[in-house]
Amino acid sequence: IIGGAETEITPETHNILLEAANWNFINIRRTMQAQRVFTDAGMRFSRGVHPSQAILGVQRGIELMRQTSGGQVAQGIIDVYPQQPPVVQVALHVSEIERLLGIAFTADHAAELLRRVQFEVIVAGDVLHVTVPDFRMDISDDPVIGQADLIEEIARIYGYDRIPNTIIADEMPPQHSNTLLLREERTRDILAALGLHENISYRLTTPEREALLTHASNGQAGYVELLNPISADKTVMRHTLLTGLLETARSNARYSQRQQVFEIGSVYLKREGQPLPDEPLRLGILMTGPRRATDWASDEDGGDVDFYDLKGVVEELLHRLHITGLIHYTRAEHTSFHPGRSAVLHINQQVIGSFGELHPQVARVFDLTAAPVLAAEFDLSALLSHVTEMHKVQPLPQTPPVLEDLALVVTADTSAEAVRAVIVKAGGDLLREVTLFDVYTGDSIPAGHKSLAYNLTYQTDERTLKDAEVAKIRQRIIRTAERELGAKLRS
C-alpha cells in the first residue's frame, strides 16, 4: 500500500533491488479501509492482478532503468512463488456457440479466433479444449459460465456487426401484467398531472442525517450498513424518503421559492436474524412556497401553501386511483410534523402514512424557514392494495335532492371526522353527502366548545323525498350525536 523511508531512493543510493510482488487483493482492500490510506499502489493491487505478471513487470522495470540511467543489471532473478493459481481450462462445445449466438462456426474457425487473443486451443471433434492465458482473469473456470465467457470472446473478435438478425425460434412465453408496477406508474402520472415534479435521491445516507428529522429522540436503530461505503455521507441504507426530499428542497431553495415534488422509492428496514432487509415501497411528497406560480398577467397573491393544499393533493390522488374504501383521518403524533397541523391517513382501518406541516424545529435544522414546509410519507404498497380495477358507475339522479345545513356544538377536543361519522351512520341510505363548511368559536359558544356546521344532501332515486321524511332523519341524527358525542344543536 505504501513504502517506508528505509526503501526510498536518495542521491546516495547506488545499488537497487527491484521488487515486483503480488498480494491478495481482498486483504489489500481491507487494510486500505482500516488504515484510511489510499495510494496508487493500493488502488492497483486492490483490483486484482495475476501473480504471473510480476515477472514481466520486474523485467520491464529493469530494462527501463538500464536504458534511462545507464545502470548495470545484475544477472538472475530471485522468484518466490509458493501458491501458484490453477490453470483455467474450459471445454467448449461448438453446438453451444450456435445456440447462444445464432450463427454456426466450425471448430477450426472458432479455435482460430480464440488463438488470436493468446488462448491455447486443442480441437477434438466438435469440442474445443481451451487453456486460458493467466492474464485473462475474467474467464471463469465454471464449466457453464466459462463457455459463455469464451463465446462472448468469439463474438467480440468475429464482430458483433457481422452477426445477422434472426427471428426467435422459440414460442413466446405467456404475457403477465405487473399490477403493482402499473399502479405505481399510474401514481406517478397522477401526481405529475397535479403539478408535482418527480425527485430521485440517493438511497444511501447516515443515521445522523436521518436523526435531524425529529426534534425528540425516537431511538431509531437497525440500519443496513455498508461494509465498503463510497463516501462518509453514504454509510447506511435509508429508513425514510423525507431526508432526501428535504435536502433537495434546501438545495433548490437558492433558485426557487415554490417547490412541489414527490418521490417513489424503497426504504430498507433491517430484520434481526435475516440476511436481507425488508424493502417496503414508499411515496413521499413535499410542498413549500407560494400557492401559485408568479405570472406576468396577474399580481394576485395566493399566499403560501398550507396543510389543506397538501390534503387536497392526497384526496385527489385517492380519487383518481379509484380508492373507494373507508377513508378517514386522525390527528398525527409524528415527531417530524407540527402536532396541530398534521394527520394520519387510514383506509379500511389500515394506517397508510402521515402528512402535514413540518415541525418548526425540524425545518430550522434543514434551513427551510422562509415558508411553511408541507410533507407526506405513505406506504405505497399498502395504498395501492386498495385500488379497485372495476369502477362502479351510476346514472344521474332522476329526483331532486333535499339540501339543509346542520350545526352542532361539541367539545373542543372532538374531531370533525368523529362528528361526520356519527352523522353518516345515523343518516342511513337516504343521506347521500356530508360536507363540513364552517368551524366557529365565539361569544355564543360555551368555553371549551366549538360549533361544526355541515351541508347535508338527502336523495333517493325511487321518489321525491317529503319534508316529513327529511325531518325524521334530521331528528335521528341530532339524537345520535347527543347520545354518542354529547353534541347540542346550535340555536
Foldseek 3Di string as FASTA:
>chain_A
DDDDPVQDDDPPDDDHDDFQFADDLVVLVVVCVVVVDDDPVSVVRNVPFAGVCSVVVVVVVVVVCCVPPVDDDDDDDDDDDPDHDDWAKEKAFQVVLCVVQVDHDQPVRLCVLVVVVPWDWDDDHRIIIITDDRRCPVQDSDHVSNNVVSSVSSCVSVDVVPRDDDDDPDDDDDDDDDLLVVLVVVLVVLLVVVPAAEDDDDQFADPVLVCLLFPDDPPDDQWAFDPDDPDPGGTTGAPFPVSRVLLVCLVCVVPDQWHKYKYWFWGFGHDPPDPGTDTFIKIKIKTWGFPDDDDPVDPDGPGIDFLVVVVVSVVVSCVVLQQDFDWDWDQDPDRQADRVFKIWIDGPNHTFWIWGWGDPSSCVVSVNDPTIMIMIMTRSVVSNVRRDPDHDDDDDAPEDKDKDKFKKKAFPPDDPRVLVVLLDVLLPPQWDDKAWDDKDDDDLHDPRIIMIMIMIIGDDNPDYDDPVVVVVSVVSSQVSCCVPGVMDTRD
